[in-house]
Amino acid sequence: MVDVLRKLFEQHFHSPVARVQPLQGQLGGSGRKIIRLAGEKLSAIGVLYDVREENVAFLEFSRCFRGHGLPVPEIYAEDLSQGAYLEEDLGDTTLFEFLSKNRAGLNLGSPVVEAYRKVVDALPRFQIEAGRDLNYKVCYPRAVFDAQSIAWDLNYFKYYFLRLAGVPFNEQSLEDDFGRLTAFLLSADHDYFLYRDFQSRNIMLRDGHPFFLDYQGGRKGALHYDIASLLYDAKADLPPDLRQELLDRYIDRLGDFIQIERKLFMRHYYAYVYVRIMQALGAYGFRGFYERKAHFLQSVPYALTNLRWLLQHVELPVELPALMKAFTSMTASEQLQSPAPKNDNLVVRIFSFSFRQGVPKDETGHGGGFVFDVRSVPNPGREEKFKVLTGKDAPVIDYLDQQESVHQFLASVMSLVDASVTAYQGRGFTSLTVSFGCTGGQHRSVYFAEQLAKRLAGKKGVEVVVRHLELENMSK
């Protein structure tokens, strides 16, 4: 499937692709494949995703936003029949990463605060200015954040977080609260564009200016939801005084576009904060408890901190006794303060694969890691005597051991991987992926994967997992 992105790149830029770098892990649980393609002077981001409706929504929204001068990626080319499109490369720095590197506890560097101010200033332009011209017929899966949409989010929270985390609740009482909460949420004006996932990982910073991504789930809705998503983004862990400053700034900016009564806005605001936190907790529960991707559960303690603050400082104008009881149980739970057992070992996952079948998908959710192309070294597969053997067989190993280029390549690999292993252990990371690809995935890639595994075996604090993907396919 990467070939379709190569074709789009070469047709648009009239230049060959020199480098391909998978980036899909940056999108966490999205399911899309994100790939950076680079020529000699230019780069672009390629996206592969088989949900046509989402692709259509993203492309149409992008063009509308750019028509309003909003900072979103330019769309270079598309092939919807292949679930592929090519967009502007906005770099590697998300607002969340910039925040993480420029903070000491709750003390945030002034560049971070300034970046958040710019983000808040842009939000009403999406919601109101561009929102007036959007084609809401392409929204997916719903055109409006309506009772059905809210029910999906609340049930997501109930079944994938409360149930799987073992939080006690009375089903009927909770459903009654959900009904009251939904009616209250929908009593707010909801005729604006709701970005849906307006949070720090979906905002890129380039030269200090924000650029916006991942609005394909947008639809009509209330203004409150998106600013709540940004300010109560769990792991961003914004201090309460900054949240208040940014909320005040946002309400002021709304006044540039519509008549806004602060008291009326605030009447609904914290109910939307609650529903956004529940939506996020449902996602953490689904990915973490259900799919066993433990790193998603690292956000839970931060979400509980936000809930604890809300319980202490906010009184909603609607009675939700069963829901508040569940929140109280959650915030008092010692188990939920550290829901993912800490693994002190660094797990190094080593893959061999065939480039014909594509780069291995990262299942850990961490993304990145190393992908080494070993097709530059001599290929044993070209010799008849090695065709039925693999890189685990002695004759193939002996052949490759005699090649100087193999030892040079392996030395370079070890230098890079050793440095990353040391750094990852020092920073408390738990996962590193190293993949070796060759033409058929049978000889060279298998050899290098095995050699790296041997060199890392026995290293203190390192657990090695090796998979030979093409050999597994052959055995089937």
Protein backbone atom coordinates (compact mmCIF):
# COMPACT_ATOMS: atom_id res chain seq x y z
CA MET A 1 0.00 0.00 0.00
CA VAL A 2 2.97 2.33 0.46
CA ASP A 3 3.35 2.21 -3.33
CA VAL A 4 0.20 4.28 -3.78
CA LEU A 5 1.69 6.99 -1.55
CA ARG A 6 4.95 6.88 -3.50
CA LYS A 7 2.95 7.38 -6.69
CA LEU A 8 1.02 10.33 -5.26
CA PHE A 9 4.27 11.91 -4.05
CA GLU A 10 6.05 11.51 -7.36
CA GLN A 11 3.07 12.76 -9.36
CA HIS A 12 2.68 15.84 -7.17
CA PHE A 13 6.33 16.81 -6.63
CA HIS A 14 7.76 15.38 -9.88
CA SER A 15 10.53 13.94 -7.72
CA PRO A 16 11.32 10.38 -6.59
CA VAL A 17 10.85 9.24 -2.99
CA ALA A 18 14.23 8.78 -1.33
CA ARG A 19 13.13 7.87 2.22
CA VAL A 20 10.06 6.36 3.87
CA GLN A 21 9.49 6.65 7.63
CA PRO A 22 6.45 5.09 9.35
CA LEU A 23 4.93 7.39 11.98
CA GLN A 24 1.63 5.65 12.71
CA GLY A 25 2.34 5.21 16.43
CA GLN A 26 1.95 8.94 16.93
CA LEU A 27 -1.79 8.58 16.53
CA GLY A 28 -2.21 6.15 19.37
CA GLY A 29 -5.49 4.31 18.89
CA SER A 30 -6.59 5.78 15.57
CA GLY A 31 -5.84 2.79 13.29
CA ARG A 32 -4.50 4.98 10.48
CA LYS A 33 -1.08 4.40 8.98
CA ILE A 34 0.91 7.62 8.93
CA ILE A 35 4.05 7.67 6.80
CA ARG A 36 6.58 10.41 6.07
CA LEU A 37 7.85 10.35 2.50
CA ALA A 38 10.88 12.44 1.61
CA GLY A 39 12.67 13.33 -1.60
CA GLU A 40 15.96 15.16 -1.83
CA LYS A 41 14.50 18.52 -0.80
CA LEU A 42 10.82 17.95 0.00
CA SER A 43 8.79 15.83 2.40
CA ALA A 44 5.12 15.05 2.89
CA ILE A 45 2.92 12.97 5.16
CA GLY A 46 1.06 10.06 3.61
CA VAL A 47 -2.03 8.58 5.24
CA LEU A 48 -3.48 5.12 4.62
CA TYR A 49 -6.90 4.39 6.10
CA ASP A 50 -9.72 2.22 4.84
CA VAL A 51 -12.67 4.18 6.30
CA ARG A 52 -13.68 6.21 3.27
CA GLU A 53 -16.19 8.37 5.15
CA GLU A 54 -13.55 9.61 7.60
CA ASN A 55 -11.13 10.33 4.78
CA VAL A 56 -13.76 12.33 2.90
CA ALA A 57 -14.61 14.34 6.02
CA PHE A 58 -10.95 15.15 6.73
CA LEU A 59 -10.22 16.21 3.15
CA GLU A 60 -13.32 18.37 2.79
CA PHE A 61 -12.88 19.99 6.20
CA SER A 62 -9.21 20.67 5.44
CA ARG A 63 -10.04 22.52 2.25
CA CYS A 64 -12.74 24.56 3.97
CA PHE A 65 -10.42 25.51 6.84
CA ARG A 66 -7.60 26.49 4.49
CA GLY A 67 -10.10 28.59 2.55
CA HIS A 68 -10.60 30.55 5.76
CA GLY A 69 -6.86 30.91 6.26
CA LEU A 70 -6.75 28.51 9.18
CA PRO A 71 -3.46 26.68 9.91
CA VAL A 72 -4.22 23.11 8.81
CA PRO A 73 -2.18 20.90 6.46
CA GLU A 74 -2.40 21.49 2.76
CA ILE A 75 -3.76 18.47 0.87
CA TYR A 76 -1.39 17.64 -1.97
CA ALA A 77 -3.02 14.60 -3.55
CA GLU A 78 -5.53 11.85 -2.85
CA ASP A 79 -6.67 8.43 -4.03
CA LEU A 80 -9.81 7.62 -2.10
CA SER A 81 -10.26 4.34 -3.94
CA GLN A 82 -7.05 3.19 -2.20
CA GLY A 83 -7.79 4.95 1.11
CA ALA A 84 -4.74 7.20 0.60
CA TYR A 85 -3.93 10.88 0.65
CA LEU A 86 -0.85 13.07 0.85
CA GLU A 87 -0.66 16.16 3.02
CA GLU A 88 1.74 18.84 4.20
CA ASP A 89 4.48 17.78 6.62
CA LEU A 90 4.10 19.91 9.76
CA GLY A 91 7.15 18.50 11.53
CA ASP A 92 7.49 16.39 14.65
CA THR A 93 6.68 18.66 17.60
CA THR A 94 3.20 18.36 19.08
CA LEU A 95 1.94 20.82 21.65
CA PHE A 96 2.04 18.00 24.20
CA GLU A 97 5.71 17.26 23.50
CA PHE A 98 6.56 20.97 23.68
CA LEU A 99 4.70 21.20 26.98
CA SER A 100 6.47 18.12 28.39
CA LYS A 101 9.91 19.53 27.55
CA ASN A 102 9.20 22.98 28.99
CA ARG A 103 7.75 22.33 32.40
CA ALA A 104 8.89 21.66 35.94
CA GLY A 105 5.94 20.09 37.73
CA LEU A 106 3.07 22.58 37.46
CA ASN A 107 5.44 25.40 36.45
CA LEU A 108 5.19 25.86 32.70
CA GLY A 109 7.66 27.83 30.61
CA SER A 110 6.38 31.09 29.15
CA PRO A 111 6.70 29.75 25.55
CA VAL A 112 4.23 26.99 26.48
CA VAL A 113 1.71 29.46 27.89
CA GLU A 114 2.07 31.61 24.79
CA ALA A 115 1.51 28.58 22.55
CA TYR A 116 -1.69 27.72 24.43
CA ARG A 117 -2.89 31.31 24.06
CA LYS A 118 -2.44 31.09 20.29
CA VAL A 119 -4.34 27.79 20.23
CA VAL A 120 -7.21 29.27 22.23
CA ASP A 121 -7.32 32.30 19.93
CA ALA A 122 -7.71 30.04 16.88
CA LEU A 123 -10.48 27.82 18.25
CA PRO A 124 -13.46 30.19 17.69
CA ARG A 125 -12.38 30.61 14.07
CA PHE A 126 -12.84 26.87 13.54
CA GLN A 127 -16.08 26.69 15.50
CA ILE A 128 -17.83 29.81 14.24
CA GLU A 129 -16.12 31.45 11.25
CA ALA A 130 -15.30 28.30 9.26
CA GLY A 131 -18.13 26.37 10.91
CA ARG A 132 -20.69 28.50 9.07
CA ASP A 133 -19.41 27.22 5.70
CA LEU A 134 -18.75 23.55 6.42
CA ASN A 135 -20.62 20.81 4.59
CA TYR A 136 -22.00 18.88 7.54
CA LYS A 137 -23.38 16.21 5.20
CA VAL A 138 -19.91 14.60 5.11
CA CYS A 139 -19.64 14.28 8.92
CA TYR A 140 -18.92 10.77 10.16
CA PRO A 141 -20.36 8.96 12.05
CA ARG A 142 -22.91 11.65 13.01
CA ALA A 143 -23.61 15.14 11.67
CA VAL A 144 -24.51 16.47 15.12
CA PHE A 145 -23.31 15.84 18.67
CA ASP A 146 -26.83 14.75 19.56
CA ALA A 147 -28.43 12.42 22.08
CA GLN A 148 -27.17 9.37 20.17
CA SER A 149 -23.58 10.68 20.16
CA ILE A 150 -23.72 11.45 23.87
CA ALA A 151 -25.19 8.01 24.62
CA TRP A 152 -22.28 6.37 22.79
CA ASP A 153 -19.77 8.30 24.90
CA LEU A 154 -21.55 7.63 28.19
CA ASN A 155 -21.95 3.92 27.51
CA TYR A 156 -18.32 3.72 26.40
CA PHE A 157 -17.42 5.08 29.82
CA LYS A 158 -19.84 2.76 31.64
CA TYR A 159 -18.91 -0.50 29.94
CA TYR A 160 -15.21 -0.04 29.20
CA PHE A 161 -14.15 1.96 32.22
CA LEU A 162 -16.52 1.55 35.16
CA ARG A 163 -17.22 -2.13 34.49
CA LEU A 164 -13.66 -3.17 33.63
CA ALA A 165 -12.15 -1.12 36.47
CA GLY A 166 -14.55 -2.73 38.96
CA VAL A 167 -16.17 0.54 40.03
CA PRO A 168 -19.55 -0.24 41.67
CA PHE A 169 -22.69 1.43 40.31
CA ASN A 170 -26.44 0.94 40.13
CA GLU A 171 -27.28 0.41 36.47
CA GLN A 172 -30.75 1.97 36.47
CA SER A 173 -29.77 4.91 38.67
CA LEU A 174 -26.79 5.62 36.46
CA GLU A 175 -28.94 5.45 33.33
CA ASP A 176 -31.37 7.91 34.92
CA ASP A 177 -28.45 10.29 35.53
CA PHE A 178 -27.25 9.82 31.97
CA GLY A 179 -30.69 10.84 30.72
CA ARG A 180 -30.74 13.99 32.85
CA LEU A 181 -27.18 14.88 31.87
CA THR A 182 -27.93 14.42 28.16
CA ALA A 183 -31.01 16.62 28.30
CA PHE A 184 -29.02 19.31 30.10
CA LEU A 185 -26.12 19.20 27.63
CA LEU A 186 -28.48 19.52 24.67
CA SER A 187 -30.17 22.56 26.21
CA ALA A 188 -27.06 24.55 25.25
CA ASP A 189 -26.92 26.09 21.78
CA HIS A 190 -25.26 23.45 19.60
CA ASP A 191 -25.18 25.00 16.15
CA TYR A 192 -21.38 25.37 15.86
CA PHE A 193 -18.52 23.21 14.59
CA LEU A 194 -17.40 20.76 17.28
CA TYR A 195 -13.81 19.72 16.54
CA ARG A 196 -14.32 16.66 18.80
CA ASP A 197 -10.69 15.84 19.65
CA PHE A 198 -9.20 19.26 20.33
CA GLN A 199 -6.26 18.27 22.49
CA SER A 200 -2.51 18.80 22.73
CA ARG A 201 -1.44 15.73 20.72
CA ASN A 202 -3.47 16.90 17.71
CA ILE A 203 -1.79 20.30 17.54
CA MET A 204 1.61 20.69 15.92
CA LEU A 205 4.02 23.55 16.59
CA ARG A 206 6.17 24.90 13.79
CA ASP A 207 8.28 28.01 14.35
CA GLY A 208 6.22 28.71 17.45
CA HIS A 209 2.90 28.69 15.59
CA PRO A 210 0.16 26.06 16.05
CA PHE A 211 -1.17 23.89 13.23
CA PHE A 212 -4.19 21.68 13.68
CA LEU A 213 -4.88 18.01 12.84
CA ASP A 214 -7.40 15.22 13.45
CA TYR A 215 -10.72 17.01 13.04
CA GLN A 216 -12.25 14.29 10.84
CA GLY A 217 -14.64 13.36 13.66
CA GLY A 218 -16.04 16.90 13.76
CA ARG A 219 -19.75 17.68 13.64
CA LYS A 220 -22.22 20.29 14.83
CA GLY A 221 -22.29 20.81 18.56
CA ALA A 222 -21.89 23.19 21.48
CA LEU A 223 -18.93 25.55 21.87
CA HIS A 224 -18.08 24.21 25.34
CA TYR A 225 -16.86 20.74 24.35
CA ASP A 226 -13.64 21.68 22.53
CA ILE A 227 -12.29 24.14 25.07
CA ALA A 228 -13.05 21.53 27.76
CA SER A 229 -11.09 18.95 25.72
CA LEU A 230 -8.05 21.23 25.58
CA LEU A 231 -8.04 22.45 29.17
CA TYR A 232 -8.80 19.06 30.76
CA ASP A 233 -6.52 17.02 28.48
CA ALA A 234 -5.43 14.43 31.08
CA LYS A 235 -1.65 14.05 30.73
CA ALA A 236 -1.18 17.70 29.79
CA ASP A 237 -2.07 18.29 33.47
CA LEU A 238 -2.57 22.04 33.18
CA PRO A 239 -2.58 23.92 36.51
CA PRO A 240 -6.00 25.27 37.54
CA ASP A 241 -4.97 28.94 37.36
CA LEU A 242 -3.78 28.54 33.76
CA ARG A 243 -6.98 26.68 32.85
CA GLN A 244 -8.98 29.62 34.21
CA GLU A 245 -6.85 32.19 32.37
CA LEU A 246 -7.24 30.33 29.08
CA LEU A 247 -10.99 29.84 29.60
CA ASP A 248 -11.43 33.58 30.23
CA ARG A 249 -9.39 34.35 27.11
CA TYR A 250 -11.49 31.93 25.05
CA ILE A 251 -14.77 33.51 26.16
CA ASP A 252 -13.36 36.95 25.29
CA ARG A 253 -12.38 35.69 21.80
CA LEU A 254 -15.88 34.28 21.27
CA GLY A 255 -17.13 37.83 21.69
CA ASP A 256 -15.32 38.79 18.48
CA PHE A 257 -17.67 36.51 16.54
CA ILE A 258 -20.97 36.25 18.42
CA GLN A 259 -22.80 37.86 21.31
CA ILE A 260 -21.83 35.79 24.32
CA GLU A 261 -23.14 35.98 27.87
CA ARG A 262 -20.47 34.61 30.20
CA LYS A 263 -22.93 33.46 32.89
CA LEU A 264 -25.00 31.53 30.35
CA PHE A 265 -21.88 29.93 28.86
CA MET A 266 -20.61 28.87 32.29
CA ARG A 267 -23.96 27.29 33.19
CA HIS A 268 -23.22 24.43 30.76
CA TYR A 269 -19.44 24.48 30.69
CA TYR A 270 -18.57 22.06 33.49
CA ALA A 271 -21.16 19.51 32.35
CA TYR A 272 -19.25 19.38 29.07
CA VAL A 273 -15.98 19.04 30.99
CA TYR A 274 -17.43 15.99 32.74
CA VAL A 275 -18.70 14.37 29.55
CA ARG A 276 -15.35 14.92 27.80
CA ILE A 277 -13.47 13.33 30.72
CA MET A 278 -15.87 10.36 30.61
CA GLN A 279 -15.30 9.97 26.87
CA ALA A 280 -11.54 9.95 27.43
CA LEU A 281 -11.79 7.46 30.31
CA GLY A 282 -13.88 5.17 28.10
CA ALA A 283 -11.11 5.28 25.50
CA TYR A 284 -8.42 4.58 28.13
CA GLY A 285 -10.47 1.67 29.43
CA PHE A 286 -11.07 0.19 25.99
CA ARG A 287 -7.42 0.41 24.95
CA GLY A 288 -5.98 -0.36 28.36
CA PHE A 289 -8.28 -2.79 30.20
CA TYR A 290 -9.92 -4.42 27.17
CA GLU A 291 -7.15 -4.45 24.55
CA ARG A 292 -4.42 -4.85 27.21
CA LYS A 293 -2.39 -1.88 25.95
CA ALA A 294 -1.20 -0.82 29.36
CA HIS A 295 0.34 2.51 28.34
CA PHE A 296 -3.14 3.94 27.73
CA LEU A 297 -3.84 3.51 31.45
CA GLN A 298 -1.03 5.91 32.34
CA SER A 299 -3.45 8.77 31.67
CA VAL A 300 -6.02 7.54 34.20
CA PRO A 301 -4.43 9.07 37.34
CA TYR A 302 -4.32 12.48 35.61
CA ALA A 303 -7.99 12.21 34.68
CA LEU A 304 -8.79 11.32 38.29
CA THR A 305 -6.94 14.43 39.46
CA ASN A 306 -9.18 16.50 37.21
CA LEU A 307 -12.28 14.73 38.54
CA ARG A 308 -11.16 15.31 42.11
CA TRP A 309 -10.79 19.05 41.43
CA LEU A 310 -14.24 19.19 39.83
CA LEU A 311 -15.87 17.37 42.75
CA GLN A 312 -14.32 19.86 45.17
CA HIS A 313 -14.92 23.09 43.22
CA VAL A 314 -17.94 22.66 40.93
CA GLU A 315 -21.64 22.19 41.57
CA LEU A 316 -23.63 21.33 38.46
CA PRO A 317 -27.14 22.79 37.97
CA VAL A 318 -28.46 19.25 37.45
CA GLU A 319 -28.68 16.45 40.01
CA LEU A 320 -26.57 13.37 39.12
CA PRO A 321 -26.28 11.40 42.38
CA ALA A 322 -25.35 7.97 40.96
CA LEU A 323 -22.72 9.42 38.63
CA MET A 324 -21.18 11.56 41.36
CA LYS A 325 -21.06 8.51 43.62
CA ALA A 326 -19.16 6.61 40.92
CA PHE A 327 -16.73 9.51 40.50
CA THR A 328 -16.16 9.60 44.26
CA SER A 329 -15.40 5.86 44.27
CA MET A 330 -12.98 6.31 41.38
CA THR A 331 -11.06 9.16 42.97
CA ALA A 332 -10.76 7.24 46.24
CA SER A 333 -9.46 4.08 44.55
CA GLU A 334 -5.80 3.34 45.24
CA GLN A 335 -5.79 0.76 42.46
CA LEU A 336 -6.79 3.35 39.84
CA GLN A 337 -3.97 5.64 40.94
CA SER A 338 -1.59 3.14 39.34
CA PRO A 339 -3.78 0.92 37.12
CA ALA A 340 -0.91 -0.33 34.95
CA PRO A 341 1.68 -2.49 36.74
CA LYS A 342 5.11 -1.00 36.22
CA ASN A 343 7.46 -3.13 34.17
CA ASP A 344 11.02 -2.31 35.16
CA ASN A 345 12.42 -4.13 32.12
CA LEU A 346 12.85 -2.54 28.73
CA VAL A 347 11.20 -4.89 26.22
CA VAL A 348 13.07 -4.79 22.89
CA ARG A 349 10.88 -6.24 20.13
CA ILE A 350 12.95 -7.33 17.15
CA PHE A 351 11.27 -8.10 13.82
CA SER A 352 12.42 -9.41 10.47
CA PHE A 353 10.13 -8.71 7.53
CA SER A 354 9.79 -8.45 3.78
CA PHE A 355 9.42 -4.98 2.28
CA ARG A 356 6.98 -6.56 -0.17
CA GLN A 357 4.60 -7.04 2.77
CA GLY A 358 5.18 -3.64 4.33
CA VAL A 359 6.80 -2.43 7.53
CA PRO A 360 5.54 -4.20 10.69
CA LYS A 361 2.71 -2.45 12.48
CA ASP A 362 3.57 -1.21 15.95
CA GLU A 363 1.14 -2.92 18.33
CA THR A 364 2.52 -1.31 21.51
CA GLY A 365 1.12 2.12 20.75
CA HIS A 366 4.49 3.76 21.38
CA GLY A 367 5.31 4.17 17.71
CA GLY A 368 8.68 4.82 16.19
CA GLY A 369 11.66 2.62 16.87
CA PHE A 370 14.22 1.62 14.25
CA VAL A 371 13.55 0.24 10.77
CA PHE A 372 16.74 -0.94 9.07
CA ASP A 373 16.86 -1.69 5.34
CA VAL A 374 19.42 -4.50 4.94
CA ARG A 375 19.02 -4.88 1.18
CA SER A 376 22.37 -3.12 0.71
CA VAL A 377 24.32 -6.19 1.84
CA PRO A 378 24.89 -9.28 -0.40
CA ASN A 379 21.80 -11.42 -0.85
CA PRO A 380 22.21 -15.18 -0.16
CA GLY A 381 18.81 -15.74 -1.74
CA ARG A 382 20.30 -15.20 -5.18
CA GLU A 383 22.30 -18.42 -4.85
CA GLU A 384 20.47 -21.69 -5.53
CA LYS A 385 22.04 -23.53 -2.59
CA PHE A 386 20.56 -21.05 -0.10
CA LYS A 387 17.05 -20.67 -1.57
CA VAL A 388 15.35 -23.14 0.78
CA LEU A 389 17.34 -21.99 3.83
CA THR A 390 16.83 -19.01 6.15
CA GLY A 391 18.97 -16.57 8.06
CA LYS A 392 18.84 -18.95 11.03
CA ASP A 393 20.61 -21.75 9.15
CA ALA A 394 24.39 -22.25 9.54
CA PRO A 395 25.30 -22.09 5.82
CA VAL A 396 23.55 -18.72 5.43
CA ILE A 397 25.09 -17.42 8.65
CA ASP A 398 28.57 -18.50 7.48
CA TYR A 399 28.04 -16.82 4.10
CA LEU A 400 27.00 -13.51 5.66
CA ASP A 401 29.70 -13.68 8.34
CA GLN A 402 32.28 -13.62 5.53
CA GLN A 403 30.99 -10.30 4.13
CA GLU A 404 32.79 -7.19 5.40
CA SER A 405 29.77 -5.01 4.60
CA VAL A 406 27.65 -7.14 6.93
CA HIS A 407 29.97 -6.50 9.88
CA GLN A 408 30.09 -2.79 9.13
CA PHE A 409 26.29 -2.62 8.96
CA LEU A 410 25.86 -4.61 12.17
CA ALA A 411 28.37 -2.42 14.01
CA SER A 412 26.40 0.69 13.01
CA VAL A 413 23.14 -0.93 14.11
CA MET A 414 24.60 -1.91 17.48
CA SER A 415 25.92 1.59 18.07
CA LEU A 416 22.50 3.13 17.48
CA VAL A 417 20.50 0.50 19.35
CA ASP A 418 22.87 0.39 22.34
CA ALA A 419 22.63 4.15 22.72
CA SER A 420 18.83 4.03 22.59
CA VAL A 421 18.63 1.13 25.05
CA THR A 422 20.76 3.07 27.54
CA ALA A 423 18.72 6.24 27.06
CA TYR A 424 15.38 4.42 27.24
CA GLN A 425 16.36 2.67 30.47
CA GLY A 426 17.52 5.95 31.96
CA ARG A 427 14.18 7.58 31.15
CA GLY A 428 12.10 4.65 32.42
CA PHE A 429 10.73 3.65 29.01
CA THR A 430 9.42 0.10 28.66
CA SER A 431 9.36 -0.58 24.91
CA LEU A 432 11.69 -0.30 21.93
CA THR A 433 11.06 -1.78 18.48
CA VAL A 434 13.82 -2.70 16.01
CA SER A 435 12.87 -4.05 12.58
CA PHE A 436 15.05 -5.41 9.79
CA GLY A 437 13.65 -5.58 6.27
CA CYS A 438 14.97 -7.25 3.14
CA THR A 439 13.45 -8.30 -0.17
CA GLY A 440 11.92 -11.61 0.84
CA GLY A 441 12.20 -11.52 4.63
CA GLN A 442 13.91 -14.92 4.64
CA HIS A 443 17.69 -14.50 4.76
CA ARG A 444 19.33 -11.15 5.53
CA SER A 445 16.63 -9.64 7.73
CA VAL A 446 16.38 -12.87 9.75
CA TYR A 447 20.17 -13.00 10.17
CA PHE A 448 20.40 -9.41 11.45
CA ALA A 449 17.44 -9.85 13.80
CA GLU A 450 19.03 -12.95 15.30
CA GLN A 451 22.44 -11.26 15.63
CA LEU A 452 20.98 -8.26 17.42
CA ALA A 453 18.97 -10.53 19.74
CA LYS A 454 22.14 -12.44 20.68
CA ARG A 455 24.00 -9.22 21.46
CA LEU A 456 21.19 -7.88 23.64
CA ALA A 457 20.53 -11.20 25.40
CA GLY A 458 21.64 -11.08 29.00
CA LYS A 459 21.84 -7.30 29.08
CA LYS A 460 20.61 -6.19 32.49
CA GLY A 461 17.07 -4.87 32.54
CA VAL A 462 16.39 -5.87 28.92
CA GLU A 463 13.83 -8.43 27.74
CA VAL A 464 14.18 -9.46 24.09
CA VAL A 465 11.28 -10.65 21.93
CA VAL A 466 12.06 -11.82 18.37
CA ARG A 467 9.57 -12.41 15.55
CA HIS A 468 10.31 -13.37 11.95
CA LEU A 469 7.14 -12.28 10.20
CA GLU A 470 7.81 -13.75 6.77
CA LEU A 471 8.98 -17.06 8.23
CA GLU A 472 5.75 -17.18 10.23
CA ASN A 473 3.78 -16.65 7.02
CA MET A 474 5.76 -19.37 5.26
CA SER A 475 5.07 -21.84 8.06
CA LYS A 476 1.35 -21.21 7.71
